[in-house]
Amino acid sequence: MTNTASTLRTAVPLDELIAAARELRIGGRWERATRLLESAEATDPRSRARLALAAAEVALESDWFGGTSLAGPRLAAAEEFVESLDGKIADEAHSDIHWDLDFLRLRHGYLRQVHVDGASRAGPDGKDPDALAALRAHAEQLRGEAPDDVRRGWAEMYLGLVADNLFAERDLAPGHYEAALRAGEAGEAGEAGATGEAGRAGSSHDSGDDLLVREALRHLGDHDHDHGDHARARERWSRATELGARAGTVPGTLSQQLLLAVLARDAGDEAGAVALVGEIARWAGAIGAVTTETWARGFLAGVDPTAAPAAAESGS
């Protein structure tokens, strides 16, 4: 008798498949999310472009948390699919999908500036000022071209991150985070935490976004902490942790708990802080979130993960 392998195929709505891949992505299951998207067969150009965008976003978050280098080729593939849509779909849908691709390019460019040679390196020192200026201009363009409030909020979020972590302009960043927070909180978030064609299916981009709110609170709390307002920082960081957990972001929630450990250390509870971060490091290592694990190991060695980047030296 010969055993013959057979493949069972079934029809699944594209929105549901992309939503499932999104939940795997933010849960830290990047390989599984990629395999799911690769298993899909789409016949029309827009569906193929959406699948390629979703795969690029999975690769980008794998690079961010898992220390891989997958996003470049995935973005190049997505660009080909999106460019093939020119003149084939309605102007509004065309604008949305192009914006989403450009936003992934922005995120990838930002990642390459803050993770250098396998290590986190914030601040402008040693970096090409023209490249940093181009990244800021890209974010400003995305803000101006955003087709809805939530996408505009994500552009504001990255304008804040660029100011904070690349230019070390700590006074400019909170205004952008506040704008991102307002966009994320606009209305009740239905299926929370997505950014475009590669993200949430079946709900409006004007209905709020839990992950955008989480991100804004995370960084606003950092500024509260720097100003000595630990009560306000705790309030914001605790809410960010809750929102991240509700949205299903496992590596993101672990990194957020690390900030709560910072407050425990500040309050003199070193034993509690170390116990919490020991678990964060163990969990992050177990799911392959090497970036979060590295931050946690650094905390255990005495490194402050909230330390602000140094401003550029005069004349540099």
C-alpha atoms as a PDB file:
ATOM      1  CA  MET A   1       0.000   0.000   0.000  1.00  0.00           C
ATOM      2  CA  THR A   2       1.237   3.444  -0.872  1.00  0.00           C
ATOM      3  CA  ASN A   3       0.401   6.402   1.369  1.00  0.00           C
ATOM      4  CA  THR A   4      -0.483   9.429  -0.700  1.00  0.00           C
ATOM      5  CA  ALA A   5      -0.351  12.867   0.878  1.00  0.00           C
ATOM      6  CA  SER A   6      -3.311  15.072   0.098  1.00  0.00           C
ATOM      7  CA  THR A   7      -3.841  18.748   0.702  1.00  0.00           C
ATOM      8  CA  LEU A   8      -7.219  19.956   1.866  1.00  0.00           C
ATOM      9  CA  ARG A   9      -8.019  23.459   0.723  1.00  0.00           C
ATOM     10  CA  THR A  10     -10.875  25.587   1.939  1.00  0.00           C
ATOM     11  CA  ALA A  11     -12.209  29.039   1.171  1.00  0.00           C
ATOM     12  CA  VAL A  12     -11.740  31.627   3.911  1.00  0.00           C
ATOM     13  CA  PRO A  13     -12.708  35.312   3.658  1.00  0.00           C
ATOM     14  CA  LEU A  14      -9.552  37.323   3.147  1.00  0.00           C
ATOM     15  CA  ASP A  15     -10.427  39.749   5.942  1.00  0.00           C
ATOM     16  CA  GLU A  16     -10.695  36.864   8.406  1.00  0.00           C
ATOM     17  CA  LEU A  17      -7.422  35.295   7.285  1.00  0.00           C
ATOM     18  CA  ILE A  18      -5.532  38.574   7.597  1.00  0.00           C
ATOM     19  CA  ALA A  19      -7.128  39.230  10.986  1.00  0.00           C
ATOM     20  CA  ALA A  20      -6.012  35.785  12.184  1.00  0.00           C
ATOM     21  CA  ALA A  21      -2.475  36.437  10.932  1.00  0.00           C
ATOM     22  CA  ARG A  22      -2.523  39.785  12.699  1.00  0.00           C
ATOM     23  CA  GLU A  23      -3.405  38.163  16.022  1.00  0.00           C
ATOM     24  CA  LEU A  24      -0.591  35.641  15.569  1.00  0.00           C
ATOM     25  CA  ARG A  25       1.743  38.514  14.686  1.00  0.00           C
ATOM     26  CA  ILE A  26       1.074  40.643  17.732  1.00  0.00           C
ATOM     27  CA  GLY A  27       1.111  37.519  19.882  1.00  0.00           C
ATOM     28  CA  GLY A  28       4.719  36.895  18.864  1.00  0.00           C
ATOM     29  CA  ARG A  29       3.944  33.914  16.599  1.00  0.00           C
ATOM     30  CA  TRP A  30       5.711  35.379  13.593  1.00  0.00           C
ATOM     31  CA  GLU A  31       6.636  32.143  11.839  1.00  0.00           C
ATOM     32  CA  ARG A  32       3.107  30.776  12.149  1.00  0.00           C
ATOM     33  CA  ALA A  33       1.626  34.051  10.892  1.00  0.00           C
ATOM     34  CA  THR A  34       3.956  33.968   7.895  1.00  0.00           C
ATOM     35  CA  ARG A  35       3.066  30.374   7.051  1.00  0.00           C
ATOM     36  CA  LEU A  36      -0.635  31.167   7.264  1.00  0.00           C
ATOM     37  CA  LEU A  37      -0.302  34.089   4.862  1.00  0.00           C
ATOM     38  CA  GLU A  38       1.889  32.087   2.492  1.00  0.00           C
ATOM     39  CA  SER A  39      -0.689  29.296   2.401  1.00  0.00           C
ATOM     40  CA  ALA A  40      -3.338  31.650   1.009  1.00  0.00           C
ATOM     41  CA  GLU A  41      -4.116  31.806  -2.688  1.00  0.00           C
ATOM     42  CA  ALA A  42      -5.563  35.052  -3.992  1.00  0.00           C
ATOM     43  CA  THR A  43      -6.689  35.627  -7.552  1.00  0.00           C
ATOM     44  CA  ASP A  44      -7.153  39.393  -7.717  1.00  0.00           C
ATOM     45  CA  PRO A  45      -4.311  41.943  -7.548  1.00  0.00           C
ATOM     46  CA  ARG A  46      -5.635  43.856  -4.539  1.00  0.00           C
ATOM     47  CA  SER A  47      -5.935  40.698  -2.437  1.00  0.00           C
ATOM     48  CA  ARG A  48      -2.403  39.668  -3.355  1.00  0.00           C
ATOM     49  CA  ALA A  49      -1.180  43.121  -2.374  1.00  0.00           C
ATOM     50  CA  ARG A  50      -2.983  42.922   0.982  1.00  0.00           C
ATOM     51  CA  LEU A  51      -1.414  39.532   1.716  1.00  0.00           C
ATOM     52  CA  ALA A  52       2.029  40.875   0.817  1.00  0.00           C
ATOM     53  CA  LEU A  53       1.543  43.895   3.088  1.00  0.00           C
ATOM     54  CA  ALA A  54       0.447  41.655   5.951  1.00  0.00           C
ATOM     55  CA  ALA A  55       3.514  39.438   5.458  1.00  0.00           C
ATOM     56  CA  ALA A  56       5.774  42.500   5.442  1.00  0.00           C
ATOM     57  CA  GLU A  57       4.305  43.685   8.736  1.00  0.00           C
ATOM     58  CA  VAL A  58       4.860  40.251  10.287  1.00  0.00           C
ATOM     59  CA  ALA A  59       8.492  40.363   9.152  1.00  0.00           C
ATOM     60  CA  LEU A  60       8.918  43.886  10.524  1.00  0.00           C
ATOM     61  CA  GLU A  61       7.691  42.927  13.994  1.00  0.00           C
ATOM     62  CA  SER A  62       9.817  39.785  13.925  1.00  0.00           C
ATOM     63  CA  ASP A  63      12.805  42.018  13.206  1.00  0.00           C
ATOM     64  CA  TRP A  64      11.842  44.383  16.033  1.00  0.00           C
ATOM     65  CA  PHE A  65      11.207  41.859  18.784  1.00  0.00           C
ATOM     66  CA  GLY A  66      12.926  38.739  17.470  1.00  0.00           C
ATOM     67  CA  GLY A  67      16.140  40.268  16.141  1.00  0.00           C
ATOM     68  CA  THR A  68      15.654  38.864  12.633  1.00  0.00           C
ATOM     69  CA  SER A  69      16.365  40.624   9.328  1.00  0.00           C
ATOM     70  CA  LEU A  70      13.333  39.684   7.272  1.00  0.00           C
ATOM     71  CA  ALA A  71      11.510  42.927   6.544  1.00  0.00           C
ATOM     72  CA  GLY A  72      13.632  44.215   3.654  1.00  0.00           C
ATOM     73  CA  PRO A  73      12.772  41.482   1.127  1.00  0.00           C
ATOM     74  CA  ARG A  74       9.151  41.340   2.300  1.00  0.00           C
ATOM     75  CA  LEU A  75       8.762  45.087   1.811  1.00  0.00           C
ATOM     76  CA  ALA A  76      10.296  44.842  -1.657  1.00  0.00           C
ATOM     77  CA  ALA A  77       7.772  42.122  -2.560  1.00  0.00           C
ATOM     78  CA  ALA A  78       4.895  44.197  -1.184  1.00  0.00           C
ATOM     79  CA  GLU A  79       6.044  47.195  -3.218  1.00  0.00           C
ATOM     80  CA  GLU A  80       5.814  45.157  -6.421  1.00  0.00           C
ATOM     81  CA  PHE A  81       2.279  44.010  -5.650  1.00  0.00           C
ATOM     82  CA  VAL A  82       1.105  47.484  -4.646  1.00  0.00           C
ATOM     83  CA  GLU A  83       2.666  49.120  -7.697  1.00  0.00           C
ATOM     84  CA  SER A  84       0.837  46.603  -9.888  1.00  0.00           C
ATOM     85  CA  LEU A  85      -2.455  48.102  -8.660  1.00  0.00           C
ATOM     86  CA  ASP A  86      -1.937  51.466 -10.346  1.00  0.00           C
ATOM     87  CA  GLY A  87      -5.067  52.249 -12.317  1.00  0.00           C
ATOM     88  CA  LYS A  88      -6.796  48.987 -11.331  1.00  0.00           C
ATOM     89  CA  ILE A  89      -8.698  49.956  -8.158  1.00  0.00           C
ATOM     90  CA  ALA A  90     -10.722  52.912  -6.950  1.00  0.00           C
ATOM     91  CA  ASP A  91      -8.790  56.026  -5.950  1.00  0.00           C
ATOM     92  CA  GLU A  92      -9.760  55.793  -2.258  1.00  0.00           C
ATOM     93  CA  ALA A  93      -8.688  52.158  -1.883  1.00  0.00           C
ATOM     94  CA  HIS A  94      -5.533  52.905  -3.873  1.00  0.00           C
ATOM     95  CA  SER A  95      -4.675  55.775  -1.534  1.00  0.00           C
ATOM     96  CA  ASP A  96      -5.194  53.632   1.572  1.00  0.00           C
ATOM     97  CA  ILE A  97      -3.028  50.753   0.437  1.00  0.00           C
ATOM     98  CA  HIS A  98      -0.228  53.051  -0.752  1.00  0.00           C
ATOM     99  CA  TRP A  99      -0.294  54.868   2.599  1.00  0.00           C
ATOM    100  CA  ASP A 100      -0.052  51.579   4.469  1.00  0.00           C
ATOM    101  CA  LEU A 101       2.968  50.536   2.414  1.00  0.00           C
ATOM    102  CA  ASP A 102       4.649  53.897   2.999  1.00  0.00           C
ATOM    103  CA  PHE A 103       3.984  53.573   6.719  1.00  0.00           C
ATOM    104  CA  LEU A 104       5.702  50.180   6.799  1.00  0.00           C
ATOM    105  CA  ARG A 105       8.657  51.786   4.996  1.00  0.00           C
ATOM    106  CA  LEU A 106       8.759  54.480   7.687  1.00  0.00           C
ATOM    107  CA  ARG A 107       8.703  51.923  10.490  1.00  0.00           C
ATOM    108  CA  HIS A 108      11.462  49.928   8.826  1.00  0.00           C
ATOM    109  CA  GLY A 109      13.592  53.031   8.380  1.00  0.00           C
ATOM    110  CA  TYR A 110      13.090  53.975  12.016  1.00  0.00           C
ATOM    111  CA  LEU A 111      14.008  50.463  13.171  1.00  0.00           C
ATOM    112  CA  ARG A 112      17.244  50.570  11.184  1.00  0.00           C
ATOM    113  CA  GLN A 113      18.204  53.808  12.942  1.00  0.00           C
ATOM    114  CA  VAL A 114      17.480  52.663  16.509  1.00  0.00           C
ATOM    115  CA  HIS A 115      18.803  49.093  16.142  1.00  0.00           C
ATOM    116  CA  VAL A 116      22.336  49.305  14.781  1.00  0.00           C
ATOM    117  CA  ASP A 117      24.649  46.293  14.440  1.00  0.00           C
ATOM    118  CA  GLY A 118      22.314  44.149  16.504  1.00  0.00           C
ATOM    119  CA  ALA A 119      22.068  46.558  19.439  1.00  0.00           C
ATOM    120  CA  SER A 120      19.716  49.351  20.476  1.00  0.00           C
ATOM    121  CA  ARG A 121      21.304  52.738  19.853  1.00  0.00           C
ATOM    122  CA  ALA A 122      19.150  55.795  20.392  1.00  0.00           C
ATOM    123  CA  GLY A 123      20.152  59.381  19.725  1.00  0.00           C
ATOM    124  CA  PRO A 124      21.744  61.124  16.743  1.00  0.00           C
ATOM    125  CA  ASP A 125      25.428  60.503  17.467  1.00  0.00           C
ATOM    126  CA  GLY A 126      27.211  58.584  14.747  1.00  0.00           C
ATOM    127  CA  LYS A 127      24.235  58.740  12.391  1.00  0.00           C
ATOM    128  CA  ASP A 128      23.781  60.479   9.069  1.00  0.00           C
ATOM    129  CA  PRO A 129      21.853  63.700   9.818  1.00  0.00           C
ATOM    130  CA  ASP A 130      20.433  63.729   6.289  1.00  0.00           C
ATOM    131  CA  ALA A 131      18.997  60.239   6.798  1.00  0.00           C
ATOM    132  CA  LEU A 132      17.403  61.305  10.076  1.00  0.00           C
ATOM    133  CA  ALA A 133      15.947  64.430   8.464  1.00  0.00           C
ATOM    134  CA  ALA A 134      14.555  62.338   5.603  1.00  0.00           C
ATOM    135  CA  LEU A 135      12.881  59.999   8.090  1.00  0.00           C
ATOM    136  CA  ARG A 136      11.222  62.951   9.829  1.00  0.00           C
ATOM    137  CA  ALA A 137      10.087  64.398   6.492  1.00  0.00           C
ATOM    138  CA  HIS A 138       8.640  61.009   5.562  1.00  0.00           C
ATOM    139  CA  ALA A 139       6.591  60.930   8.780  1.00  0.00           C
ATOM    140  CA  GLU A 140       5.382  64.489   8.183  1.00  0.00           C
ATOM    141  CA  GLN A 141       4.301  63.562   4.664  1.00  0.00           C
ATOM    142  CA  LEU A 142       2.403  60.541   5.975  1.00  0.00           C
ATOM    143  CA  ARG A 143       0.651  62.722   8.529  1.00  0.00           C
ATOM    144  CA  GLY A 144      -0.433  65.118   5.813  1.00  0.00           C
ATOM    145  CA  GLU A 145      -1.628  62.354   3.480  1.00  0.00           C
ATOM    146  CA  ALA A 146      -3.306  60.123   6.075  1.00  0.00           C
ATOM    147  CA  PRO A 147      -6.776  59.079   4.849  1.00  0.00           C
ATOM    148  CA  ASP A 148      -8.272  58.894   8.376  1.00  0.00           C
ATOM    149  CA  ASP A 149      -7.685  59.903  11.980  1.00  0.00           C
ATOM    150  CA  VAL A 150      -6.122  56.674  13.224  1.00  0.00           C
ATOM    151  CA  ARG A 151      -3.579  56.525  10.436  1.00  0.00           C
ATOM    152  CA  ARG A 152      -2.812  60.200  11.110  1.00  0.00           C
ATOM    153  CA  GLY A 153      -2.353  59.261  14.760  1.00  0.00           C
ATOM    154  CA  TRP A 154       0.214  56.619  13.864  1.00  0.00           C
ATOM    155  CA  ALA A 155       2.138  59.163  11.798  1.00  0.00           C
ATOM    156  CA  GLU A 156       2.081  61.516  14.810  1.00  0.00           C
ATOM    157  CA  MET A 157       3.330  58.646  16.979  1.00  0.00           C
ATOM    158  CA  TYR A 158       6.352  58.160  14.763  1.00  0.00           C
ATOM    159  CA  LEU A 159       7.041  61.884  14.582  1.00  0.00           C
ATOM    160  CA  GLY A 160       7.294  61.706  18.365  1.00  0.00           C
ATOM    161  CA  LEU A 161       9.521  58.636  18.280  1.00  0.00           C
ATOM    162  CA  VAL A 162      11.826  60.230  15.723  1.00  0.00           C
ATOM    163  CA  ALA A 163      12.078  63.401  17.827  1.00  0.00           C
ATOM    164  CA  ASP A 164      12.597  61.439  21.054  1.00  0.00           C
ATOM    165  CA  ASN A 165      14.849  58.580  20.048  1.00  0.00           C
ATOM    166  CA  LEU A 166      16.706  59.827  16.989  1.00  0.00           C
ATOM    167  CA  PHE A 167      17.065  63.593  17.458  1.00  0.00           C
ATOM    168  CA  ALA A 168      16.982  63.492  21.298  1.00  0.00           C
ATOM    169  CA  GLU A 169      14.510  66.392  21.186  1.00  0.00           C
ATOM    170  CA  ARG A 170      12.680  65.440  24.350  1.00  0.00           C
ATOM    171  CA  ASP A 171      10.703  68.669  24.526  1.00  0.00           C
ATOM    172  CA  LEU A 172       9.104  68.173  21.093  1.00  0.00           C
ATOM    173  CA  ALA A 173       7.995  64.551  21.353  1.00  0.00           C
ATOM    174  CA  PRO A 174       5.128  64.749  23.901  1.00  0.00           C
ATOM    175  CA  GLY A 175       3.009  66.969  21.654  1.00  0.00           C
ATOM    176  CA  HIS A 176       3.088  64.291  18.981  1.00  0.00           C
ATOM    177  CA  TYR A 177       2.260  61.578  21.518  1.00  0.00           C
ATOM    178  CA  GLU A 178      -0.707  63.582  22.784  1.00  0.00           C
ATOM    179  CA  ALA A 179      -2.017  63.904  19.219  1.00  0.00           C
ATOM    180  CA  ALA A 180      -1.554  60.155  18.727  1.00  0.00           C
ATOM    181  CA  LEU A 181      -3.393  59.484  21.984  1.00  0.00           C
ATOM    182  CA  ARG A 182      -6.368  61.583  20.901  1.00  0.00           C
ATOM    183  CA  ALA A 183      -6.546  59.734  17.583  1.00  0.00           C
ATOM    184  CA  GLY A 184      -6.319  56.353  19.249  1.00  0.00           C
ATOM    185  CA  GLU A 185      -9.028  57.205  21.732  1.00  0.00           C
ATOM    186  CA  ALA A 186     -11.419  58.560  19.093  1.00  0.00           C
ATOM    187  CA  GLY A 187     -14.552  56.517  19.762  1.00  0.00           C
ATOM    188  CA  GLU A 188     -14.813  52.990  21.055  1.00  0.00           C
ATOM    189  CA  ALA A 189     -12.188  50.641  19.676  1.00  0.00           C
ATOM    190  CA  GLY A 190     -13.936  47.703  18.115  1.00  0.00           C
ATOM    191  CA  GLU A 191     -11.348  45.176  16.990  1.00  0.00           C
ATOM    192  CA  ALA A 192      -8.384  47.015  18.409  1.00  0.00           C
ATOM    193  CA  GLY A 193      -4.860  47.518  17.333  1.00  0.00           C
ATOM    194  CA  ALA A 194      -4.306  47.537  13.595  1.00  0.00           C
ATOM    195  CA  THR A 195      -2.757  49.880  11.119  1.00  0.00           C
ATOM    196  CA  GLY A 196      -4.205  49.529   7.674  1.00  0.00           C
ATOM    197  CA  GLU A 197      -4.653  46.882   5.015  1.00  0.00           C
ATOM    198  CA  ALA A 198      -2.286  44.576   6.870  1.00  0.00           C
ATOM    199  CA  GLY A 199      -4.212  44.962  10.096  1.00  0.00           C
ATOM    200  CA  ARG A 200      -7.756  45.144  11.331  1.00  0.00           C
ATOM    201  CA  ALA A 201     -10.581  43.870   9.173  1.00  0.00           C
ATOM    202  CA  GLY A 202     -14.175  44.941   9.347  1.00  0.00           C
ATOM    203  CA  SER A 203     -13.920  48.091  11.467  1.00  0.00           C
ATOM    204  CA  SER A 204     -13.364  51.749  10.700  1.00  0.00           C
ATOM    205  CA  HIS A 205     -10.015  53.459  11.121  1.00  0.00           C
ATOM    206  CA  ASP A 206     -11.967  56.255  12.798  1.00  0.00           C
ATOM    207  CA  SER A 207     -13.178  53.955  15.609  1.00  0.00           C
ATOM    208  CA  GLY A 208     -10.058  54.081  17.760  1.00  0.00           C
ATOM    209  CA  ASP A 209      -7.057  51.814  18.167  1.00  0.00           C
ATOM    210  CA  ASP A 210      -5.983  50.220  21.457  1.00  0.00           C
ATOM    211  CA  LEU A 211      -2.398  49.647  20.338  1.00  0.00           C
ATOM    212  CA  LEU A 212      -2.009  53.275  19.291  1.00  0.00           C
ATOM    213  CA  VAL A 213      -3.328  54.382  22.691  1.00  0.00           C
ATOM    214  CA  ARG A 214      -0.967  51.920  24.383  1.00  0.00           C
ATOM    215  CA  GLU A 215       2.017  53.210  22.437  1.00  0.00           C
ATOM    216  CA  ALA A 216       1.217  56.850  23.176  1.00  0.00           C
ATOM    217  CA  LEU A 217       0.676  56.190  26.902  1.00  0.00           C
ATOM    218  CA  ARG A 218       3.906  54.202  27.078  1.00  0.00           C
ATOM    219  CA  HIS A 219       5.962  57.123  25.841  1.00  0.00           C
ATOM    220  CA  LEU A 220       4.040  59.856  27.637  1.00  0.00           C
ATOM    221  CA  GLY A 221       4.615  57.896  30.842  1.00  0.00           C
ATOM    222  CA  ASP A 222       8.318  57.875  30.070  1.00  0.00           C
ATOM    223  CA  HIS A 223       8.293  61.668  30.038  1.00  0.00           C
ATOM    224  CA  ASP A 224       6.292  61.751  33.279  1.00  0.00           C
ATOM    225  CA  HIS A 225       8.919  59.493  34.810  1.00  0.00           C
ATOM    226  CA  ASP A 226      11.757  61.711  33.623  1.00  0.00           C
ATOM    227  CA  HIS A 227      10.021  64.721  35.221  1.00  0.00           C
ATOM    228  CA  GLY A 228       9.700  62.908  38.535  1.00  0.00           C
ATOM    229  CA  ASP A 229       5.926  62.415  38.327  1.00  0.00           C
ATOM    230  CA  HIS A 230       5.984  58.729  39.159  1.00  0.00           C
ATOM    231  CA  ALA A 231       2.292  58.584  40.066  1.00  0.00           C
ATOM    232  CA  ARG A 232       1.303  59.831  36.617  1.00  0.00           C
ATOM    233  CA  ALA A 233       3.813  57.496  34.988  1.00  0.00           C
ATOM    234  CA  ARG A 234       2.349  54.538  36.891  1.00  0.00           C
ATOM    235  CA  GLU A 235      -1.168  55.493  35.839  1.00  0.00           C
ATOM    236  CA  ARG A 236      -0.215  55.701  32.190  1.00  0.00           C
ATOM    237  CA  TRP A 237       2.048  52.649  32.160  1.00  0.00           C
ATOM    238  CA  SER A 238      -0.513  50.512  33.992  1.00  0.00           C
ATOM    239  CA  ARG A 239      -3.198  51.441  31.484  1.00  0.00           C
ATOM    240  CA  ALA A 240      -0.800  50.789  28.607  1.00  0.00           C
ATOM    241  CA  THR A 241      -0.078  47.328  30.019  1.00  0.00           C
ATOM    242  CA  GLU A 242      -3.798  46.580  30.241  1.00  0.00           C
ATOM    243  CA  LEU A 243      -4.491  47.792  26.706  1.00  0.00           C
ATOM    244  CA  GLY A 244      -1.604  45.779  25.311  1.00  0.00           C
ATOM    245  CA  ALA A 245      -2.852  42.639  27.016  1.00  0.00           C
ATOM    246  CA  ARG A 246      -6.394  43.279  25.758  1.00  0.00           C
ATOM    247  CA  ALA A 247      -5.118  43.665  22.219  1.00  0.00           C
ATOM    248  CA  GLY A 248      -3.133  40.425  22.529  1.00  0.00           C
ATOM    249  CA  THR A 249       0.411  41.753  22.199  1.00  0.00           C
ATOM    250  CA  VAL A 250       2.528  39.295  24.165  1.00  0.00           C
ATOM    251  CA  PRO A 251       6.047  40.716  23.543  1.00  0.00           C
ATOM    252  CA  GLY A 252       4.686  44.257  23.844  1.00  0.00           C
ATOM    253  CA  THR A 253       3.037  43.522  27.181  1.00  0.00           C
ATOM    254  CA  LEU A 254       6.255  41.993  28.499  1.00  0.00           C
ATOM    255  CA  SER A 255       8.212  45.103  27.512  1.00  0.00           C
ATOM    256  CA  GLN A 256       5.557  47.253  29.145  1.00  0.00           C
ATOM    257  CA  GLN A 257       5.803  45.297  32.406  1.00  0.00           C
ATOM    258  CA  LEU A 258       9.504  46.118  32.379  1.00  0.00           C
ATOM    259  CA  LEU A 259       8.560  49.774  32.845  1.00  0.00           C
ATOM    260  CA  LEU A 260       6.442  48.891  35.865  1.00  0.00           C
ATOM    261  CA  ALA A 261       9.527  47.204  37.275  1.00  0.00           C
ATOM    262  CA  VAL A 262      11.392  50.497  36.834  1.00  0.00           C
ATOM    263  CA  LEU A 263       8.855  52.137  39.146  1.00  0.00           C
ATOM    264  CA  ALA A 264       9.253  49.325  41.677  1.00  0.00           C
ATOM    265  CA  ARG A 265      13.015  49.884  41.688  1.00  0.00           C
ATOM    266  CA  ASP A 266      12.506  53.644  42.034  1.00  0.00           C
ATOM    267  CA  ALA A 267      10.269  53.023  45.058  1.00  0.00           C
ATOM    268  CA  GLY A 268      12.949  50.915  46.719  1.00  0.00           C
ATOM    269  CA  ASP A 269      11.390  47.516  46.009  1.00  0.00           C
ATOM    270  CA  GLU A 270      14.481  46.031  44.396  1.00  0.00           C
ATOM    271  CA  ALA A 271      13.502  42.466  45.246  1.00  0.00           C
ATOM    272  CA  GLY A 272      10.088  42.871  43.643  1.00  0.00           C
ATOM    273  CA  ALA A 273      11.561  44.541  40.577  1.00  0.00           C
ATOM    274  CA  VAL A 274      14.153  41.814  40.102  1.00  0.00           C
ATOM    275  CA  ALA A 275      11.579  39.040  40.568  1.00  0.00           C
ATOM    276  CA  LEU A 276       9.285  40.588  37.959  1.00  0.00           C
ATOM    277  CA  VAL A 277      12.035  41.225  35.430  1.00  0.00           C
ATOM    278  CA  GLY A 278      13.463  37.752  35.913  1.00  0.00           C
ATOM    279  CA  GLU A 279      10.120  36.384  34.754  1.00  0.00           C
ATOM    280  CA  ILE A 280       9.970  38.891  31.877  1.00  0.00           C
ATOM    281  CA  ALA A 281      13.384  37.730  30.693  1.00  0.00           C
ATOM    282  CA  ARG A 282      12.375  34.081  30.955  1.00  0.00           C
ATOM    283  CA  TRP A 283       9.089  34.562  29.101  1.00  0.00           C
ATOM    284  CA  ALA A 284      10.678  36.744  26.409  1.00  0.00           C
ATOM    285  CA  GLY A 285      13.394  34.169  25.829  1.00  0.00           C
ATOM    286  CA  ALA A 286      10.821  31.391  25.598  1.00  0.00           C
ATOM    287  CA  ILE A 287       8.909  33.101  22.772  1.00  0.00           C
ATOM    288  CA  GLY A 288      11.990  34.323  20.915  1.00  0.00           C
ATOM    289  CA  ALA A 289      11.526  38.007  21.762  1.00  0.00           C
ATOM    290  CA  VAL A 290      15.269  38.542  22.031  1.00  0.00           C
ATOM    291  CA  THR A 291      15.039  42.347  22.048  1.00  0.00           C
ATOM    292  CA  THR A 292      12.779  42.343  25.107  1.00  0.00           C
ATOM    293  CA  GLU A 293      14.927  39.669  26.747  1.00  0.00           C
ATOM    294  CA  THR A 294      18.036  41.815  26.200  1.00  0.00           C
ATOM    295  CA  TRP A 295      16.347  44.831  27.791  1.00  0.00           C
ATOM    296  CA  ALA A 296      15.308  42.680  30.737  1.00  0.00           C
ATOM    297  CA  ARG A 297      18.801  41.228  31.204  1.00  0.00           C
ATOM    298  CA  GLY A 298      20.178  44.755  31.082  1.00  0.00           C
ATOM    299  CA  PHE A 299      17.757  45.839  33.813  1.00  0.00           C
ATOM    300  CA  LEU A 300      18.923  42.960  36.010  1.00  0.00           C
ATOM    301  CA  ALA A 301      22.490  44.165  35.446  1.00  0.00           C
ATOM    302  CA  GLY A 302      21.561  47.673  36.582  1.00  0.00           C
ATOM    303  CA  VAL A 303      20.826  49.368  33.255  1.00  0.00           C
ATOM    304  CA  ASP A 304      17.962  51.894  33.224  1.00  0.00           C
ATOM    305  CA  PRO A 305      15.792  51.110  30.164  1.00  0.00           C
ATOM    306  CA  THR A 306      14.181  54.553  30.405  1.00  0.00           C
ATOM    307  CA  ALA A 307      17.432  56.511  30.133  1.00  0.00           C
ATOM    308  CA  ALA A 308      17.037  59.308  27.574  1.00  0.00           C
ATOM    309  CA  PRO A 309      19.316  59.323  24.516  1.00  0.00           C
ATOM    310  CA  ALA A 310      22.089  61.856  24.524  1.00  0.00           C
ATOM    311  CA  ALA A 311      21.699  64.899  22.299  1.00  0.00           C
ATOM    312  CA  ALA A 312      24.134  65.346  19.453  1.00  0.00           C
ATOM    313  CA  GLU A 313      27.449  66.828  20.465  1.00  0.00           C
ATOM    314  CA  SER A 314      28.145  70.341  19.343  1.00  0.00           C
ATOM    315  CA  GLY A 315      29.484  70.415  15.826  1.00  0.00           C
ATOM    316  CA  SER A 316      28.599  66.824  15.064  1.00  0.00           C
END
